[in-house]
All heavy atoms as atom14 arrays in JSON, in Angstrom:
{
  "sequence": "ATESAAAVLAYGFGGLGLHRIVGRYLPRNPGSGQVLRKLGMRHEGTLR",
  "atom14_mask": [
    [1, 1, 1, 1, 1, 0, 0, 0, 0, 0, 0, 0, 0, 0],
    [1, 1, 1, 1, 1, 1, 1, 0, 0, 0, 0, 0, 0, 0],
    [1, 1, 1, 1, 1, 1, 1, 1, 1, 0, 0, 0, 0, 0],
    [1, 1, 1, 1, 1, 1, 0, 0, 0, 0, 0, 0, 0, 0],
    [1, 1, 1, 1, 1, 0, 0, 0, 0, 0, 0, 0, 0, 0],
    [1, 1, 1, 1, 1, 0, 0, 0, 0, 0, 0, 0, 0, 0],
    [1, 1, 1, 1, 1, 0, 0, 0, 0, 0, 0, 0, 0, 0],
    [1, 1, 1, 1, 1, 1, 1, 0, 0, 0, 0, 0, 0, 0],
    [1, 1, 1, 1, 1, 1, 1, 1, 0, 0, 0, 0, 0, 0],
    [1, 1, 1, 1, 1, 0, 0, 0, 0, 0, 0, 0, 0, 0],
    [1, 1, 1, 1, 1, 1, 1, 1, 1, 1, 1, 1, 0, 0],
    [1, 1, 1, 1, 0, 0, 0, 0, 0, 0, 0, 0, 0, 0],
    [1, 1, 1, 1, 1, 1, 1, 1, 1, 1, 1, 0, 0, 0],
    [1, 1, 1, 1, 0, 0, 0, 0, 0, 0, 0, 0, 0, 0],
    [1, 1, 1, 1, 0, 0, 0, 0, 0, 0, 0, 0, 0, 0],
    [1, 1, 1, 1, 1, 1, 1, 1, 0, 0, 0, 0, 0, 0],
    [1, 1, 1, 1, 0, 0, 0, 0, 0, 0, 0, 0, 0, 0],
    [1, 1, 1, 1, 1, 1, 1, 1, 0, 0, 0, 0, 0, 0],
    [1, 1, 1, 1, 1, 1, 1, 1, 1, 1, 0, 0, 0, 0],
    [1, 1, 1, 1, 1, 1, 1, 1, 1, 1, 1, 0, 0, 0],
    [1, 1, 1, 1, 1, 1, 1, 1, 0, 0, 0, 0, 0, 0],
    [1, 1, 1, 1, 1, 1, 1, 0, 0, 0, 0, 0, 0, 0],
    [1, 1, 1, 1, 0, 0, 0, 0, 0, 0, 0, 0, 0, 0],
    [1, 1, 1, 1, 1, 1, 1, 1, 1, 1, 1, 0, 0, 0],
    [1, 1, 1, 1, 1, 1, 1, 1, 1, 1, 1, 1, 0, 0],
    [1, 1, 1, 1, 1, 1, 1, 1, 0, 0, 0, 0, 0, 0],
    [1, 1, 1, 1, 1, 1, 1, 0, 0, 0, 0, 0, 0, 0],
    [1, 1, 1, 1, 1, 1, 1, 1, 1, 1, 1, 0, 0, 0],
    [1, 1, 1, 1, 1, 1, 1, 1, 0, 0, 0, 0, 0, 0],
    [1, 1, 1, 1, 1, 1, 1, 0, 0, 0, 0, 0, 0, 0],
    [1, 1, 1, 1, 0, 0, 0, 0, 0, 0, 0, 0, 0, 0],
    [1, 1, 1, 1, 1, 1, 0, 0, 0, 0, 0, 0, 0, 0],
    [1, 1, 1, 1, 0, 0, 0, 0, 0, 0, 0, 0, 0, 0],
    [1, 1, 1, 1, 1, 1, 1, 1, 1, 0, 0, 0, 0, 0],
    [1, 1, 1, 1, 1, 1, 1, 0, 0, 0, 0, 0, 0, 0],
    [1, 1, 1, 1, 1, 1, 1, 1, 0, 0, 0, 0, 0, 0],
    [1, 1, 1, 1, 1, 1, 1, 1, 1, 1, 1, 0, 0, 0],
    [1, 1, 1, 1, 1, 1, 1, 1, 1, 0, 0, 0, 0, 0],
    [1, 1, 1, 1, 1, 1, 1, 1, 0, 0, 0, 0, 0, 0],
    [1, 1, 1, 1, 0, 0, 0, 0, 0, 0, 0, 0, 0, 0],
    [1, 1, 1, 1, 1, 1, 1, 1, 0, 0, 0, 0, 0, 0],
    [1, 1, 1, 1, 1, 1, 1, 1, 1, 1, 1, 0, 0, 0],
    [1, 1, 1, 1, 1, 1, 1, 1, 1, 1, 0, 0, 0, 0],
    [1, 1, 1, 1, 1, 1, 1, 1, 1, 0, 0, 0, 0, 0],
    [1, 1, 1, 1, 0, 0, 0, 0, 0, 0, 0, 0, 0, 0],
    [1, 1, 1, 1, 1, 1, 1, 0, 0, 0, 0, 0, 0, 0],
    [1, 1, 1, 1, 1, 1, 1, 1, 0, 0, 0, 0, 0, 0],
    [1, 1, 1, 1, 1, 1, 1, 1, 1, 1, 1, 0, 0, 0]
  ],
  "atom14_positions": [
    [[-2.31, 11.2, 1.48], [-2.55, 9.77, 1.27], [-1.39, 8.95, 1.83], [-1.6, 7.97, 2.55], [-2.77, 9.48, -0.21], [0.0, 0.0, 0.0], [0.0, 0.0, 0.0], [0.0, 0.0, 0.0], [0.0, 0.0, 0.0], [0.0, 0.0, 0.0], [0.0, 0.0, 0.0], [0.0, 0.0, 0.0], [0.0, 0.0, 0.0], [0.0, 0.0, 0.0]],
    [[-0.16, 9.37, 1.51], [1.01, 8.63, 1.99], [1.1, 8.67, 3.51], [1.34, 7.64, 4.16], [2.29, 9.22, 1.36], [2.18, 9.19, -0.06], [3.52, 8.45, 1.8], [0.0, 0.0, 0.0], [0.0, 0.0, 0.0], [0.0, 0.0, 0.0], [0.0, 0.0, 0.0], [0.0, 0.0, 0.0], [0.0, 0.0, 0.0], [0.0, 0.0, 0.0]],
    [[0.91, 9.84, 4.09], [1.03, 9.98, 5.55], [-0.03, 9.17, 6.29], [0.27, 8.49, 7.27], [0.93, 11.47, 5.9], [1.26, 11.79, 7.33], [1.33, 13.29, 7.61], [1.67, 14.07, 6.68], [1.05, 13.67, 8.75], [0.0, 0.0, 0.0], [0.0, 0.0, 0.0], [0.0, 0.0, 0.0], [0.0, 0.0, 0.0], [0.0, 0.0, 0.0]],
    [[-1.27, 9.23, 5.82], [-2.33, 8.48, 6.49], [-2.17, 6.98, 6.27], [-2.36, 6.18, 7.2], [-3.71, 8.96, 6.02], [-3.88, 8.75, 4.64], [0.0, 0.0, 0.0], [0.0, 0.0, 0.0], [0.0, 0.0, 0.0], [0.0, 0.0, 0.0], [0.0, 0.0, 0.0], [0.0, 0.0, 0.0], [0.0, 0.0, 0.0], [0.0, 0.0, 0.0]],
    [[-1.79, 6.58, 5.07], [-1.6, 5.15, 4.78], [-0.45, 4.58, 5.6], [-0.52, 3.44, 6.07], [-1.39, 4.94, 3.29], [0.0, 0.0, 0.0], [0.0, 0.0, 0.0], [0.0, 0.0, 0.0], [0.0, 0.0, 0.0], [0.0, 0.0, 0.0], [0.0, 0.0, 0.0], [0.0, 0.0, 0.0], [0.0, 0.0, 0.0], [0.0, 0.0, 0.0]],
    [[0.61, 5.35, 5.79], [1.73, 4.89, 6.61], [1.28, 4.63, 8.04], [1.68, 3.64, 8.67], [2.87, 5.91, 6.58], [0.0, 0.0, 0.0], [0.0, 0.0, 0.0], [0.0, 0.0, 0.0], [0.0, 0.0, 0.0], [0.0, 0.0, 0.0], [0.0, 0.0, 0.0], [0.0, 0.0, 0.0], [0.0, 0.0, 0.0], [0.0, 0.0, 0.0]],
    [[0.43, 5.5, 8.57], [-0.08, 5.31, 9.94], [-0.95, 4.06, 10.02], [-0.88, 3.31, 11.01], [-0.88, 6.54, 10.38], [0.0, 0.0, 0.0], [0.0, 0.0, 0.0], [0.0, 0.0, 0.0], [0.0, 0.0, 0.0], [0.0, 0.0, 0.0], [0.0, 0.0, 0.0], [0.0, 0.0, 0.0], [0.0, 0.0, 0.0], [0.0, 0.0, 0.0]],
    [[-1.74, 3.81, 9.0], [-2.6, 2.63, 9.01], [-1.77, 1.35, 8.81], [-2.07, 0.32, 9.41], [-3.74, 2.77, 7.98], [-4.49, 1.47, 7.78], [-4.7, 3.86, 8.44], [0.0, 0.0, 0.0], [0.0, 0.0, 0.0], [0.0, 0.0, 0.0], [0.0, 0.0, 0.0], [0.0, 0.0, 0.0], [0.0, 0.0, 0.0], [0.0, 0.0, 0.0]],
    [[-0.72, 1.41, 8.01], [0.18, 0.26, 7.9], [0.77, -0.07, 9.27], [0.82, -1.24, 9.68], [1.33, 0.54, 6.94], [1.12, 0.35, 5.45], [2.42, 0.59, 4.71], [0.58, -1.01, 5.13], [0.0, 0.0, 0.0], [0.0, 0.0, 0.0], [0.0, 0.0, 0.0], [0.0, 0.0, 0.0], [0.0, 0.0, 0.0], [0.0, 0.0, 0.0]],
    [[1.25, 0.94, 9.97], [1.83, 0.74, 11.3], [0.81, 0.11, 12.23], [1.14, -0.8, 13.01], [2.35, 2.06, 11.86], [0.0, 0.0, 0.0], [0.0, 0.0, 0.0], [0.0, 0.0, 0.0], [0.0, 0.0, 0.0], [0.0, 0.0, 0.0], [0.0, 0.0, 0.0], [0.0, 0.0, 0.0], [0.0, 0.0, 0.0], [0.0, 0.0, 0.0]],
    [[-0.44, 0.58, 12.16], [-1.48, 0.02, 13.01], [-1.79, -1.42, 12.59], [-1.96, -2.3, 13.45], [-2.74, 0.88, 12.96], [-3.79, 0.38, 13.9], [-3.68, 0.61, 15.26], [-4.88, -0.36, 13.44], [-4.63, 0.13, 16.14], [-5.83, -0.84, 14.31], [-5.7, -0.6, 15.67], [-6.63, -1.08, 16.56], [0.0, 0.0, 0.0], [0.0, 0.0, 0.0]],
    [[-1.85, -1.67, 11.3], [-2.14, -3.02, 10.81], [-1.09, -4.03, 11.25], [-1.41, -5.13, 11.72], [0.0, 0.0, 0.0], [0.0, 0.0, 0.0], [0.0, 0.0, 0.0], [0.0, 0.0, 0.0], [0.0, 0.0, 0.0], [0.0, 0.0, 0.0], [0.0, 0.0, 0.0], [0.0, 0.0, 0.0], [0.0, 0.0, 0.0], [0.0, 0.0, 0.0]],
    [[0.18, -3.66, 11.1], [1.24, -4.58, 11.49], [1.43, -4.61, 13.0], [1.56, -5.67, 13.6], [2.56, -4.21, 10.8], [2.57, -4.52, 9.33], [2.91, -3.55, 8.41], [2.23, -5.78, 8.86], [2.93, -3.83, 7.05], [2.23, -6.08, 7.5], [2.59, -5.09, 6.59], [0.0, 0.0, 0.0], [0.0, 0.0, 0.0], [0.0, 0.0, 0.0]],
    [[1.46, -3.44, 13.65], [1.71, -3.38, 15.09], [0.49, -3.67, 15.93], [0.55, -4.48, 16.85], [0.0, 0.0, 0.0], [0.0, 0.0, 0.0], [0.0, 0.0, 0.0], [0.0, 0.0, 0.0], [0.0, 0.0, 0.0], [0.0, 0.0, 0.0], [0.0, 0.0, 0.0], [0.0, 0.0, 0.0], [0.0, 0.0, 0.0], [0.0, 0.0, 0.0]],
    [[-0.62, -3.01, 15.63], [-1.82, -3.15, 16.45], [-2.65, -4.38, 16.16], [-3.24, -4.97, 17.07], [0.0, 0.0, 0.0], [0.0, 0.0, 0.0], [0.0, 0.0, 0.0], [0.0, 0.0, 0.0], [0.0, 0.0, 0.0], [0.0, 0.0, 0.0], [0.0, 0.0, 0.0], [0.0, 0.0, 0.0], [0.0, 0.0, 0.0], [0.0, 0.0, 0.0]],
    [[-2.72, -4.77, 14.89], [-3.57, -5.9, 14.51], [-2.79, -7.19, 14.26], [-3.39, -8.23, 14.07], [-4.38, -5.53, 13.26], [-5.34, -4.35, 13.4], [-6.03, -4.07, 12.06], [-6.36, -4.61, 14.49], [0.0, 0.0, 0.0], [0.0, 0.0, 0.0], [0.0, 0.0, 0.0], [0.0, 0.0, 0.0], [0.0, 0.0, 0.0], [0.0, 0.0, 0.0]],
    [[-1.46, -7.09, 14.24], [-0.65, -8.29, 14.05], [-0.75, -8.9, 12.67], [-0.6, -10.11, 12.51], [0.0, 0.0, 0.0], [0.0, 0.0, 0.0], [0.0, 0.0, 0.0], [0.0, 0.0, 0.0], [0.0, 0.0, 0.0], [0.0, 0.0, 0.0], [0.0, 0.0, 0.0], [0.0, 0.0, 0.0], [0.0, 0.0, 0.0], [0.0, 0.0, 0.0]],
    [[-0.98, -8.05, 11.66], [-1.06, -8.58, 10.3], [0.31, -9.0, 9.79], [1.34, -8.51, 10.26], [-1.67, -7.53, 9.36], [-3.1, -7.11, 9.66], [-3.58, -6.07, 8.67], [-4.05, -8.31, 9.69], [0.0, 0.0, 0.0], [0.0, 0.0, 0.0], [0.0, 0.0, 0.0], [0.0, 0.0, 0.0], [0.0, 0.0, 0.0], [0.0, 0.0, 0.0]],
    [[0.31, -9.91, 8.83], [1.54, -10.4, 8.22], [1.8, -9.76, 6.87], [2.95, -9.58, 6.47], [1.47, -11.92, 8.06], [2.62, -12.5, 7.3], [3.9, -12.54, 7.8], [2.69, -13.01, 6.05], [4.7, -13.08, 6.91], [4.0, -13.37, 5.83], [0.0, 0.0, 0.0], [0.0, 0.0, 0.0], [0.0, 0.0, 0.0], [0.0, 0.0, 0.0]],
    [[0.74, -9.39, 6.16], [0.85, -8.88, 4.79], [-0.24, -7.85, 4.55], [-1.38, -8.04, 4.96], [0.7, -10.05, 3.83], [0.56, -9.72, 2.37], [0.3, -11.03, 1.58], [-0.22, -10.75, 0.28], [0.53, -10.49, -0.79], [1.84, -10.46, -0.68], [-0.02, -10.25, -1.96], [0.0, 0.0, 0.0], [0.0, 0.0, 0.0], [0.0, 0.0, 0.0]],
    [[0.13, -6.76, 3.88], [-0.86, -5.75, 3.48], [-0.66, -5.46, 2.0], [0.47, -5.23, 1.55], [-0.76, -4.47, 4.33], [-1.06, -4.79, 5.8], [-1.72, -3.41, 3.8], [-0.93, -3.63, 6.75], [0.0, 0.0, 0.0], [0.0, 0.0, 0.0], [0.0, 0.0, 0.0], [0.0, 0.0, 0.0], [0.0, 0.0, 0.0], [0.0, 0.0, 0.0]],
    [[-1.75, -5.5, 1.28], [-1.74, -5.27, -0.16], [-2.44, -3.94, -0.47], [-3.27, -3.48, 0.3], [-2.43, -6.45, -0.9], [-3.91, -6.54, -0.56], [-2.24, -6.38, -2.38], [0.0, 0.0, 0.0], [0.0, 0.0, 0.0], [0.0, 0.0, 0.0], [0.0, 0.0, 0.0], [0.0, 0.0, 0.0], [0.0, 0.0, 0.0], [0.0, 0.0, 0.0]],
    [[-2.07, -3.36, -1.57], [-2.76, -2.19, -2.1], [-2.95, -2.4, -3.6], [-2.08, -2.94, -4.27], [0.0, 0.0, 0.0], [0.0, 0.0, 0.0], [0.0, 0.0, 0.0], [0.0, 0.0, 0.0], [0.0, 0.0, 0.0], [0.0, 0.0, 0.0], [0.0, 0.0, 0.0], [0.0, 0.0, 0.0], [0.0, 0.0, 0.0], [0.0, 0.0, 0.0]],
    [[-4.11, -2.04, -4.11], [-4.4, -2.21, -5.53], [-4.82, -0.86, -6.11], [-5.43, -0.05, -5.42], [-5.5, -3.24, -5.73], [-5.16, -4.58, -5.13], [-6.21, -5.64, -5.34], [-7.51, -5.24, -4.83], [-8.66, -5.84, -5.15], [-8.67, -6.86, -5.97], [-9.79, -5.44, -4.64], [0.0, 0.0, 0.0], [0.0, 0.0, 0.0], [0.0, 0.0, 0.0]],
    [[-4.49, -0.66, -7.39], [-4.86, 0.61, -8.02], [-5.06, 0.42, -9.51], [-4.52, -0.51, -10.12], [-3.82, 1.69, -7.74], [-2.47, 1.45, -8.35], [-2.11, 2.03, -9.56], [-1.53, 0.63, -7.72], [-0.87, 1.8, -10.13], [-0.28, 0.4, -8.27], [0.04, 0.99, -9.48], [1.26, 0.76, -10.06], [0.0, 0.0, 0.0], [0.0, 0.0, 0.0]],
    [[-5.83, 1.32, -10.09], [-6.05, 1.32, -11.53], [-4.82, 1.92, -12.21], [-4.29, 2.92, -11.73], [-7.28, 2.17, -11.88], [-8.61, 1.67, -11.32], [-9.7, 2.74, -11.46], [-9.04, 0.39, -12.02], [0.0, 0.0, 0.0], [0.0, 0.0, 0.0], [0.0, 0.0, 0.0], [0.0, 0.0, 0.0], [0.0, 0.0, 0.0], [0.0, 0.0, 0.0]],
    [[-4.36, 1.34, -13.31], [-3.17, 1.86, -13.99], [-3.29, 3.33, -14.39], [-2.29, 4.04, -14.44], [-3.03, 0.97, -15.22], [-3.75, -0.28, -14.88], [-4.85, 0.11, -13.95], [0.0, 0.0, 0.0], [0.0, 0.0, 0.0], [0.0, 0.0, 0.0], [0.0, 0.0, 0.0], [0.0, 0.0, 0.0], [0.0, 0.0, 0.0], [0.0, 0.0, 0.0]],
    [[-4.5, 3.8, -14.64], [-4.66, 5.2, -15.01], [-4.61, 6.14, -13.81], [-4.82, 7.34, -13.95], [-5.94, 5.4, -15.82], [-7.19, 5.0, -15.13], [-8.36, 5.09, -16.11], [-9.52, 4.41, -15.59], [-10.34, 4.93, -14.7], [-10.13, 6.13, -14.22], [-11.38, 4.25, -14.27], [0.0, 0.0, 0.0], [0.0, 0.0, 0.0], [0.0, 0.0, 0.0]],
    [[-4.3, 5.58, -12.64], [-4.12, 6.38, -11.43], [-2.7, 6.16, -10.9], [-2.5, 5.57, -9.84], [-5.17, 6.0, -10.38], [-5.07, 6.86, -9.14], [-4.35, 7.84, -9.08], [-5.83, 6.47, -8.12], [0.0, 0.0, 0.0], [0.0, 0.0, 0.0], [0.0, 0.0, 0.0], [0.0, 0.0, 0.0], [0.0, 0.0, 0.0], [0.0, 0.0, 0.0]],
    [[-1.68, 6.62, -11.64], [-0.29, 6.35, -11.22], [0.06, 6.98, -9.87], [0.95, 6.48, -9.19], [0.55, 6.94, -12.36], [-0.33, 7.95, -13.02], [-1.74, 7.43, -12.86], [0.0, 0.0, 0.0], [0.0, 0.0, 0.0], [0.0, 0.0, 0.0], [0.0, 0.0, 0.0], [0.0, 0.0, 0.0], [0.0, 0.0, 0.0], [0.0, 0.0, 0.0]],
    [[-0.63, 8.04, -9.48], [-0.35, 8.65, -8.18], [-0.58, 7.69, -7.03], [0.16, 7.67, -6.05], [0.0, 0.0, 0.0], [0.0, 0.0, 0.0], [0.0, 0.0, 0.0], [0.0, 0.0, 0.0], [0.0, 0.0, 0.0], [0.0, 0.0, 0.0], [0.0, 0.0, 0.0], [0.0, 0.0, 0.0], [0.0, 0.0, 0.0], [0.0, 0.0, 0.0]],
    [[-1.6, 6.84, -7.16], [-1.86, 5.85, -6.12], [-0.73, 4.82, -6.07], [-0.32, 4.38, -5.0], [-3.2, 5.17, -6.36], [-3.59, 4.46, -5.21], [0.0, 0.0, 0.0], [0.0, 0.0, 0.0], [0.0, 0.0, 0.0], [0.0, 0.0, 0.0], [0.0, 0.0, 0.0], [0.0, 0.0, 0.0], [0.0, 0.0, 0.0], [0.0, 0.0, 0.0]],
    [[-0.21, 4.46, -7.23], [0.93, 3.55, -7.27], [2.15, 4.16, -6.6], [2.9, 3.47, -5.9], [0.0, 0.0, 0.0], [0.0, 0.0, 0.0], [0.0, 0.0, 0.0], [0.0, 0.0, 0.0], [0.0, 0.0, 0.0], [0.0, 0.0, 0.0], [0.0, 0.0, 0.0], [0.0, 0.0, 0.0], [0.0, 0.0, 0.0], [0.0, 0.0, 0.0]],
    [[2.34, 5.46, -6.79], [3.46, 6.15, -6.14], [3.32, 6.1, -4.63], [4.3, 5.91, -3.91], [3.55, 7.6, -6.6], [4.07, 7.77, -8.0], [4.11, 9.24, -8.38], [3.15, 9.98, -8.21], [5.25, 9.66, -8.91], [0.0, 0.0, 0.0], [0.0, 0.0, 0.0], [0.0, 0.0, 0.0], [0.0, 0.0, 0.0], [0.0, 0.0, 0.0]],
    [[2.1, 6.29, -4.14], [1.87, 6.22, -2.69], [2.28, 4.85, -2.17], [3.01, 4.75, -1.18], [0.38, 6.51, -2.35], [0.06, 6.14, -0.91], [0.04, 7.96, -2.62], [0.0, 0.0, 0.0], [0.0, 0.0, 0.0], [0.0, 0.0, 0.0], [0.0, 0.0, 0.0], [0.0, 0.0, 0.0], [0.0, 0.0, 0.0], [0.0, 0.0, 0.0]],
    [[1.85, 3.8, -2.83], [2.17, 2.45, -2.37], [3.67, 2.18, -2.39], [4.21, 1.57, -1.47], [1.4, 1.42, -3.21], [-0.12, 1.53, -3.13], [-0.78, 0.54, -4.08], [-0.63, 1.35, -1.71], [0.0, 0.0, 0.0], [0.0, 0.0, 0.0], [0.0, 0.0, 0.0], [0.0, 0.0, 0.0], [0.0, 0.0, 0.0], [0.0, 0.0, 0.0]],
    [[4.34, 2.65, -3.42], [5.81, 2.46, -3.47], [6.51, 3.25, -2.38], [7.48, 2.78, -1.79], [6.33, 2.83, -4.86], [6.03, 1.73, -5.9], [6.68, 2.0, -7.24], [6.2, 3.19, -7.89], [5.04, 3.28, -8.56], [4.26, 2.23, -8.66], [4.68, 4.41, -9.13], [0.0, 0.0, 0.0], [0.0, 0.0, 0.0], [0.0, 0.0, 0.0]],
    [[6.02, 4.45, -2.08], [6.61, 5.23, -0.97], [6.46, 4.5, 0.36], [7.28, 4.69, 1.26], [5.95, 6.6, -0.87], [6.36, 7.57, -1.96], [5.61, 8.88, -1.79], [5.84, 9.81, -2.95], [5.0, 11.02, -2.85], [0.0, 0.0, 0.0], [0.0, 0.0, 0.0], [0.0, 0.0, 0.0], [0.0, 0.0, 0.0], [0.0, 0.0, 0.0]],
    [[5.43, 3.7, 0.49], [5.2, 2.92, 1.71], [6.09, 1.69, 1.77], [6.08, 0.97, 2.77], [3.73, 2.49, 1.79], [2.71, 3.61, 1.91], [1.3, 3.05, 1.77], [2.87, 4.39, 3.2], [0.0, 0.0, 0.0], [0.0, 0.0, 0.0], [0.0, 0.0, 0.0], [0.0, 0.0, 0.0], [0.0, 0.0, 0.0], [0.0, 0.0, 0.0]],
    [[6.84, 1.43, 0.71], [7.72, 0.27, 0.68], [7.1, -0.95, 0.03], [7.68, -2.04, 0.06], [0.0, 0.0, 0.0], [0.0, 0.0, 0.0], [0.0, 0.0, 0.0], [0.0, 0.0, 0.0], [0.0, 0.0, 0.0], [0.0, 0.0, 0.0], [0.0, 0.0, 0.0], [0.0, 0.0, 0.0], [0.0, 0.0, 0.0], [0.0, 0.0, 0.0]],
    [[5.93, -0.8, -0.54], [5.28, -1.94, -1.19], [5.96, -2.25, -2.52], [6.45, -1.36, -3.19], [3.8, -1.66, -1.42], [2.99, -1.61, -0.17], [1.23, -1.58, -0.56], [0.53, -1.74, 1.07], [0.0, 0.0, 0.0], [0.0, 0.0, 0.0], [0.0, 0.0, 0.0], [0.0, 0.0, 0.0], [0.0, 0.0, 0.0], [0.0, 0.0, 0.0]],
    [[5.97, -3.53, -2.84], [6.54, -4.01, -4.11], [5.4, -4.31, -5.08], [4.37, -4.88, -4.67], [7.28, -5.32, -3.9], [8.55, -5.21, -3.18], [9.24, -6.55, -3.32], [10.15, -6.78, -2.23], [10.7, -7.94, -1.98], [10.4, -8.99, -2.72], [11.54, -8.08, -0.99], [0.0, 0.0, 0.0], [0.0, 0.0, 0.0], [0.0, 0.0, 0.0]],
    [[5.62, -4.0, -6.34], [4.66, -4.36, -7.37], [4.7, -5.88, -7.54], [5.76, -6.46, -7.75], [5.0, -3.66, -8.69], [3.99, -3.9, -9.74], [4.17, -4.83, -10.73], [2.77, -3.35, -9.95], [3.11, -4.84, -11.52], [2.24, -3.95, -11.07], [0.0, 0.0, 0.0], [0.0, 0.0, 0.0], [0.0, 0.0, 0.0], [0.0, 0.0, 0.0]],
    [[3.55, -6.51, -7.41], [3.5, -7.97, -7.51], [2.87, -8.45, -8.81], [2.98, -9.62, -9.15], [2.74, -8.56, -6.33], [3.48, -8.37, -5.02], [2.84, -9.14, -3.88], [1.62, -9.4, -3.91], [3.59, -9.5, -2.95], [0.0, 0.0, 0.0], [0.0, 0.0, 0.0], [0.0, 0.0, 0.0], [0.0, 0.0, 0.0], [0.0, 0.0, 0.0]],
    [[2.2, -7.55, -9.53], [1.63, -7.99, -10.78], [0.43, -7.18, -11.21], [-0.04, -6.29, -10.51], [0.0, 0.0, 0.0], [0.0, 0.0, 0.0], [0.0, 0.0, 0.0], [0.0, 0.0, 0.0], [0.0, 0.0, 0.0], [0.0, 0.0, 0.0], [0.0, 0.0, 0.0], [0.0, 0.0, 0.0], [0.0, 0.0, 0.0], [0.0, 0.0, 0.0]],
    [[-0.04, -7.52, -12.39], [-1.2, -6.88, -12.99], [-2.29, -7.92, -13.14], [-2.06, -8.98, -13.73], [-0.84, -6.31, -14.38], [0.23, -5.38, -14.23], [-2.04, -5.63, -15.02], [0.0, 0.0, 0.0], [0.0, 0.0, 0.0], [0.0, 0.0, 0.0], [0.0, 0.0, 0.0], [0.0, 0.0, 0.0], [0.0, 0.0, 0.0], [0.0, 0.0, 0.0]],
    [[-3.45, -7.62, -12.6], [-4.62, -8.47, -12.81], [-5.32, -7.92, -14.05], [-5.92, -6.85, -14.02], [-5.54, -8.43, -11.6], [-4.91, -8.92, -10.29], [-5.86, -8.66, -9.12], [-4.55, -10.38, -10.38], [0.0, 0.0, 0.0], [0.0, 0.0, 0.0], [0.0, 0.0, 0.0], [0.0, 0.0, 0.0], [0.0, 0.0, 0.0], [0.0, 0.0, 0.0]],
    [[-5.18, -8.63, -15.15], [-5.67, -8.14, -16.43], [-7.19, -8.17, -16.49], [-7.81, -9.17, -16.14], [-5.08, -8.97, -17.58], [-3.56, -8.85, -17.64], [-2.92, -9.7, -18.71], [-3.36, -11.08, -18.68], [-3.87, -11.74, -19.71], [-4.0, -11.16, -20.88], [-4.25, -12.99, -19.59], [0.0, 0.0, 0.0], [0.0, 0.0, 0.0], [0.0, 0.0, 0.0]]
  ]
}
């Protein structure tokens, strides 16, 4: 997940010229949160 997501981030920023990429996950899936943090994403909040 981390390796493939990193490649897609690179494509999104480099190939598509995006400015911001977000990732969302369910709190009961902490592994997905770990993937996003490994990609350098910052936690911005919880949508209750």
